[in-house]
Amino acid sequence: MALELNDDDKVSLDGLIRTVMTVRETDPEMPAQTLYALLEIVKNPGITMIELQNKLNMSSAGTSRVVSRLSQIEKPNVPGLDFVLRSENLMDRRNKIVQPTPKGLAFVRKLLRKL
């Protein structure tokens, strides 16, 4: 038995494909969890690292790596995507806050236009 998509599903699928291609143009090896983190940060600007870790269901170290990849500098001598900014949380200095940069916000807007 062959399963087929209806026309609305095909249009939605075309939008998803355009979105994936746009992500790949920016970073051909971007893992889904990195994109998911960016979307959560744009949706919740000022989210704390602990809140993001809970949303992503990742370890603290894993969340840190993802945010570093999205930041201006991933690690020494390795540039990041400059999509987010991590800064001090004045209420709890052990827990950083993360917010999108204008570049990160523009990228997500570009993705939304592809849908």
N, C-alpha and C. Protein backbone atom coordinates (compact mmCIF):
# COMPACT_ATOMS: atom_id res chain seq x y z
N MET A 1 0.84 -1.17 0.00
CA MET A 1 0.00 0.00 0.00
C MET A 1 0.89 1.24 0.00
N ALA A 2 0.72 2.08 -0.99
CA ALA A 2 1.52 3.30 -1.11
C ALA A 2 0.86 4.42 -0.31
N LEU A 3 1.67 5.09 0.47
CA LEU A 3 1.18 6.25 1.22
C LEU A 3 1.54 7.51 0.44
N GLU A 4 0.62 8.43 0.35
CA GLU A 4 0.87 9.65 -0.41
C GLU A 4 0.52 10.86 0.45
N LEU A 5 1.20 11.95 0.18
CA LEU A 5 0.91 13.21 0.85
C LEU A 5 -0.17 13.95 0.08
N ASN A 6 -0.99 14.69 0.81
CA ASN A 6 -1.96 15.54 0.12
C ASN A 6 -1.25 16.82 -0.33
N ASP A 7 -1.93 17.64 -1.11
CA ASP A 7 -1.31 18.83 -1.69
C ASP A 7 -0.84 19.81 -0.61
N ASP A 8 -1.61 20.00 0.45
CA ASP A 8 -1.19 20.90 1.54
C ASP A 8 0.08 20.39 2.21
N ASP A 9 0.16 19.09 2.42
CA ASP A 9 1.36 18.50 3.01
C ASP A 9 2.57 18.71 2.10
N LYS A 10 2.37 18.58 0.80
CA LYS A 10 3.47 18.77 -0.14
C LYS A 10 3.97 20.22 -0.11
N VAL A 11 3.06 21.17 -0.01
CA VAL A 11 3.45 22.58 0.08
C VAL A 11 4.23 22.81 1.36
N SER A 12 3.76 22.25 2.48
CA SER A 12 4.47 22.38 3.75
C SER A 12 5.84 21.74 3.68
N LEU A 13 5.91 20.60 3.04
CA LEU A 13 7.18 19.90 2.89
C LEU A 13 8.16 20.71 2.06
N ASP A 14 7.66 21.35 1.01
CA ASP A 14 8.52 22.22 0.19
C ASP A 14 9.10 23.35 1.05
N GLY A 15 8.28 23.92 1.94
CA GLY A 15 8.75 24.97 2.84
C GLY A 15 9.82 24.46 3.79
N LEU A 16 9.62 23.27 4.32
CA LEU A 16 10.63 22.68 5.21
C LEU A 16 11.94 22.41 4.47
N ILE A 17 11.83 21.95 3.24
CA ILE A 17 13.03 21.69 2.44
C ILE A 17 13.77 23.00 2.19
N ARG A 18 13.06 24.07 1.84
CA ARG A 18 13.71 25.37 1.64
C ARG A 18 14.39 25.84 2.91
N THR A 19 13.75 25.60 4.05
CA THR A 19 14.32 25.99 5.34
C THR A 19 15.60 25.22 5.62
N VAL A 20 15.57 23.92 5.41
CA VAL A 20 16.77 23.09 5.63
C VAL A 20 17.89 23.54 4.70
N MET A 21 17.58 23.83 3.46
CA MET A 21 18.61 24.27 2.52
C MET A 21 19.22 25.61 2.96
N THR A 22 18.42 26.49 3.52
CA THR A 22 18.93 27.76 4.01
C THR A 22 19.88 27.53 5.18
N VAL A 23 19.52 26.63 6.08
CA VAL A 23 20.41 26.28 7.19
C VAL A 23 21.72 25.73 6.64
N ARG A 24 21.63 24.84 5.69
CA ARG A 24 22.83 24.21 5.11
C ARG A 24 23.72 25.22 4.40
N GLU A 25 23.13 26.26 3.80
CA GLU A 25 23.93 27.30 3.16
C GLU A 25 24.76 28.06 4.19
N THR A 26 24.21 28.23 5.37
CA THR A 26 24.89 28.96 6.44
C THR A 26 25.91 28.09 7.14
N ASP A 27 25.53 26.86 7.46
CA ASP A 27 26.42 25.93 8.15
C ASP A 27 26.03 24.52 7.71
N PRO A 28 26.74 23.95 6.73
CA PRO A 28 26.35 22.66 6.18
C PRO A 28 26.35 21.51 7.19
N GLU A 29 27.00 21.71 8.33
CA GLU A 29 27.08 20.63 9.32
C GLU A 29 26.36 20.96 10.62
N MET A 30 25.44 21.93 10.58
CA MET A 30 24.74 22.32 11.81
C MET A 30 23.84 21.19 12.29
N PRO A 31 24.10 20.68 13.49
CA PRO A 31 23.21 19.65 14.05
C PRO A 31 21.83 20.22 14.38
N ALA A 32 20.85 19.37 14.37
CA ALA A 32 19.48 19.79 14.68
C ALA A 32 19.39 20.42 16.06
N GLN A 33 20.15 19.91 17.05
CA GLN A 33 20.07 20.47 18.40
C GLN A 33 20.60 21.90 18.45
N THR A 34 21.54 22.24 17.56
CA THR A 34 22.05 23.61 17.51
C THR A 34 20.98 24.54 16.96
N LEU A 35 20.31 24.10 15.91
CA LEU A 35 19.21 24.90 15.36
C LEU A 35 18.09 25.03 16.37
N TYR A 36 17.77 23.94 17.05
CA TYR A 36 16.72 23.96 18.08
C TYR A 36 17.08 24.96 19.18
N ALA A 37 18.33 24.96 19.61
CA ALA A 37 18.77 25.90 20.65
C ALA A 37 18.60 27.34 20.17
N LEU A 38 19.01 27.62 18.94
CA LEU A 38 18.86 28.98 18.40
C LEU A 38 17.40 29.40 18.38
N LEU A 39 16.53 28.51 17.94
CA LEU A 39 15.10 28.84 17.88
C LEU A 39 14.55 29.13 19.28
N GLU A 40 14.96 28.34 20.27
CA GLU A 40 14.50 28.58 21.65
C GLU A 40 15.03 29.91 22.18
N ILE A 41 16.27 30.24 21.85
CA ILE A 41 16.87 31.50 22.32
C ILE A 41 16.16 32.69 21.67
N VAL A 42 15.86 32.59 20.38
CA VAL A 42 15.14 33.68 19.71
C VAL A 42 13.72 33.80 20.27
N LYS A 43 13.09 32.68 20.54
CA LYS A 43 11.73 32.69 21.09
C LYS A 43 11.71 33.21 22.52
N ASN A 44 12.79 32.97 23.28
CA ASN A 44 12.87 33.34 24.70
C ASN A 44 14.13 34.15 24.96
N PRO A 45 14.23 35.38 24.41
CA PRO A 45 15.45 36.17 24.62
C PRO A 45 15.70 36.40 26.11
N GLY A 46 16.95 36.25 26.53
CA GLY A 46 17.29 36.39 27.94
C GLY A 46 17.13 35.10 28.72
N ILE A 47 16.93 33.99 28.02
CA ILE A 47 16.81 32.69 28.68
C ILE A 47 18.11 32.37 29.41
N THR A 48 18.00 31.73 30.56
CA THR A 48 19.22 31.34 31.27
C THR A 48 19.74 30.03 30.69
N MET A 49 21.00 29.77 30.94
CA MET A 49 21.59 28.52 30.46
C MET A 49 20.88 27.31 31.07
N ILE A 50 20.49 27.40 32.33
CA ILE A 50 19.78 26.28 32.97
C ILE A 50 18.41 26.07 32.33
N GLU A 51 17.69 27.16 32.06
CA GLU A 51 16.39 27.03 31.39
C GLU A 51 16.57 26.42 30.00
N LEU A 52 17.59 26.87 29.28
CA LEU A 52 17.84 26.33 27.94
C LEU A 52 18.21 24.85 28.02
N GLN A 53 19.04 24.51 28.97
CA GLN A 53 19.43 23.10 29.18
C GLN A 53 18.20 22.24 29.40
N ASN A 54 17.27 22.73 30.21
CA ASN A 54 16.04 21.97 30.48
C ASN A 54 15.17 21.84 29.24
N LYS A 55 15.04 22.92 28.47
CA LYS A 55 14.24 22.87 27.24
C LYS A 55 14.83 21.90 26.23
N LEU A 56 16.16 21.90 26.11
CA LEU A 56 16.83 21.05 25.14
C LEU A 56 16.98 19.61 25.62
N ASN A 57 16.79 19.41 26.93
CA ASN A 57 16.99 18.10 27.54
C ASN A 57 18.41 17.60 27.27
N MET A 58 19.36 18.50 27.53
CA MET A 58 20.77 18.20 27.31
C MET A 58 21.53 18.41 28.62
N SER A 59 22.74 17.89 28.65
CA SER A 59 23.61 18.13 29.80
C SER A 59 24.09 19.58 29.79
N SER A 60 24.61 20.00 30.92
CA SER A 60 25.18 21.35 31.02
C SER A 60 26.31 21.53 30.02
N ALA A 61 27.18 20.54 29.92
CA ALA A 61 28.31 20.61 28.99
C ALA A 61 27.83 20.65 27.54
N GLY A 62 26.85 19.85 27.21
CA GLY A 62 26.31 19.83 25.85
C GLY A 62 25.67 21.16 25.49
N THR A 63 24.91 21.72 26.43
CA THR A 63 24.28 23.02 26.20
C THR A 63 25.35 24.09 26.01
N SER A 64 26.38 24.04 26.81
CA SER A 64 27.49 25.00 26.69
C SER A 64 28.15 24.91 25.32
N ARG A 65 28.38 23.70 24.83
CA ARG A 65 29.00 23.52 23.52
C ARG A 65 28.12 24.10 22.41
N VAL A 66 26.81 23.84 22.49
CA VAL A 66 25.88 24.35 21.48
C VAL A 66 25.87 25.87 21.50
N VAL A 67 25.80 26.46 22.68
CA VAL A 67 25.78 27.93 22.78
C VAL A 67 27.11 28.50 22.30
N SER A 68 28.20 27.84 22.58
CA SER A 68 29.51 28.31 22.09
C SER A 68 29.52 28.31 20.56
N ARG A 69 28.97 27.28 19.94
CA ARG A 69 28.92 27.22 18.48
C ARG A 69 28.09 28.38 17.92
N LEU A 70 27.04 28.75 18.62
CA LEU A 70 26.18 29.84 18.18
C LEU A 70 26.75 31.22 18.52
N SER A 71 27.75 31.27 19.40
CA SER A 71 28.35 32.53 19.83
C SER A 71 29.37 33.04 18.81
N GLN A 72 29.97 34.18 19.12
CA GLN A 72 30.94 34.77 18.19
C GLN A 72 32.20 33.91 18.07
N ILE A 73 32.64 33.32 19.17
CA ILE A 73 33.83 32.48 19.17
C ILE A 73 33.45 31.12 19.75
N GLU A 74 33.60 30.07 18.94
CA GLU A 74 33.26 28.72 19.40
C GLU A 74 34.30 28.21 20.39
N LYS A 75 35.57 28.33 20.02
CA LYS A 75 36.69 27.98 20.88
C LYS A 75 37.90 28.73 20.35
N PRO A 76 39.02 28.73 21.05
CA PRO A 76 40.17 29.50 20.58
C PRO A 76 40.50 29.19 19.11
N ASN A 77 40.63 30.25 18.34
CA ASN A 77 40.96 30.17 16.91
C ASN A 77 39.88 29.52 16.04
N VAL A 78 38.68 29.37 16.58
CA VAL A 78 37.56 28.82 15.80
C VAL A 78 36.37 29.78 15.93
N PRO A 79 36.05 30.47 14.85
CA PRO A 79 34.92 31.40 14.94
C PRO A 79 33.59 30.65 15.06
N GLY A 80 32.67 31.25 15.79
CA GLY A 80 31.33 30.71 15.88
C GLY A 80 30.44 31.40 14.86
N LEU A 81 29.15 31.20 14.97
CA LEU A 81 28.19 31.76 14.02
C LEU A 81 27.78 33.19 14.35
N ASP A 82 28.06 33.65 15.57
CA ASP A 82 27.69 35.00 16.03
C ASP A 82 26.17 35.21 15.99
N PHE A 83 25.42 34.17 16.35
CA PHE A 83 23.96 34.24 16.38
C PHE A 83 23.42 34.55 17.77
N VAL A 84 24.22 34.32 18.82
CA VAL A 84 23.77 34.58 20.20
C VAL A 84 24.87 35.25 21.00
N LEU A 85 24.45 35.88 22.07
CA LEU A 85 25.37 36.51 23.01
C LEU A 85 25.10 35.94 24.39
N ARG A 86 26.14 35.46 25.03
CA ARG A 86 26.04 34.93 26.39
C ARG A 86 26.61 36.00 27.32
N SER A 87 25.89 36.31 28.38
CA SER A 87 26.35 37.35 29.30
C SER A 87 26.03 36.99 30.75
N GLU A 88 26.58 37.80 31.64
CA GLU A 88 26.38 37.58 33.08
C GLU A 88 24.92 37.76 33.45
N ASN A 89 24.46 36.93 34.35
CA ASN A 89 23.14 37.08 34.95
C ASN A 89 23.37 37.80 36.28
N LEU A 90 22.94 39.03 36.39
CA LEU A 90 23.21 39.81 37.59
C LEU A 90 22.52 39.25 38.83
N MET A 91 21.47 38.46 38.62
CA MET A 91 20.76 37.86 39.75
C MET A 91 21.44 36.58 40.24
N ASP A 92 22.20 35.92 39.34
CA ASP A 92 22.87 34.67 39.68
C ASP A 92 24.09 34.54 38.77
N ARG A 93 25.22 34.96 39.23
CA ARG A 93 26.43 35.02 38.40
C ARG A 93 26.90 33.65 37.91
N ARG A 94 26.43 32.58 38.52
CA ARG A 94 26.80 31.23 38.07
C ARG A 94 25.99 30.79 36.86
N ASN A 95 24.90 31.48 36.59
CA ASN A 95 23.97 31.09 35.54
C ASN A 95 23.89 32.20 34.49
N LYS A 96 24.56 32.02 33.38
CA LYS A 96 24.60 33.01 32.30
C LYS A 96 23.23 33.12 31.61
N ILE A 97 23.01 34.27 30.98
CA ILE A 97 21.81 34.44 30.16
C ILE A 97 22.24 34.48 28.69
N VAL A 98 21.33 34.10 27.83
CA VAL A 98 21.62 34.03 26.40
C VAL A 98 20.53 34.79 25.65
N GLN A 99 20.97 35.57 24.69
CA GLN A 99 20.02 36.30 23.86
C GLN A 99 20.51 36.30 22.42
N PRO A 100 19.59 36.46 21.47
CA PRO A 100 20.01 36.47 20.07
C PRO A 100 20.72 37.78 19.73
N THR A 101 21.65 37.69 18.81
CA THR A 101 22.26 38.89 18.24
C THR A 101 21.38 39.34 17.06
N PRO A 102 21.58 40.54 16.56
CA PRO A 102 20.83 40.93 15.36
C PRO A 102 21.05 39.95 14.21
N LYS A 103 22.25 39.41 14.08
CA LYS A 103 22.54 38.44 13.03
C LYS A 103 21.73 37.15 13.24
N GLY A 104 21.63 36.70 14.48
CA GLY A 104 20.85 35.50 14.78
C GLY A 104 19.37 35.70 14.52
N LEU A 105 18.86 36.87 14.92
CA LEU A 105 17.46 37.19 14.68
C LEU A 105 17.17 37.28 13.19
N ALA A 106 18.07 37.89 12.43
CA ALA A 106 17.89 38.00 10.98
C ALA A 106 17.89 36.61 10.34
N PHE A 107 18.75 35.73 10.82
CA PHE A 107 18.80 34.37 10.28
C PHE A 107 17.49 33.63 10.52
N VAL A 108 16.95 33.73 11.72
CA VAL A 108 15.68 33.05 12.02
C VAL A 108 14.55 33.65 11.20
N ARG A 109 14.55 34.96 11.03
CA ARG A 109 13.53 35.59 10.18
C ARG A 109 13.63 35.07 8.74
N LYS A 110 14.85 34.89 8.27
CA LYS A 110 15.07 34.35 6.92
C LYS A 110 14.49 32.94 6.82
N LEU A 111 14.69 32.14 7.88
CA LEU A 111 14.13 30.78 7.90
C LEU A 111 12.60 30.82 7.86
N LEU A 112 12.03 31.73 8.62
CA LEU A 112 10.57 31.82 8.69
C LEU A 112 9.97 32.20 7.33
N ARG A 113 10.68 33.02 6.58
CA ARG A 113 10.17 33.41 5.25
C ARG A 113 10.19 32.24 4.27
N LYS A 114 10.97 31.21 4.57
CA LYS A 114 11.05 30.05 3.68
C LYS A 114 9.89 29.09 3.87
N LEU A 115 9.20 29.19 5.01
CA LEU A 115 8.10 28.26 5.29
C LEU A 115 6.87 28.52 4.45
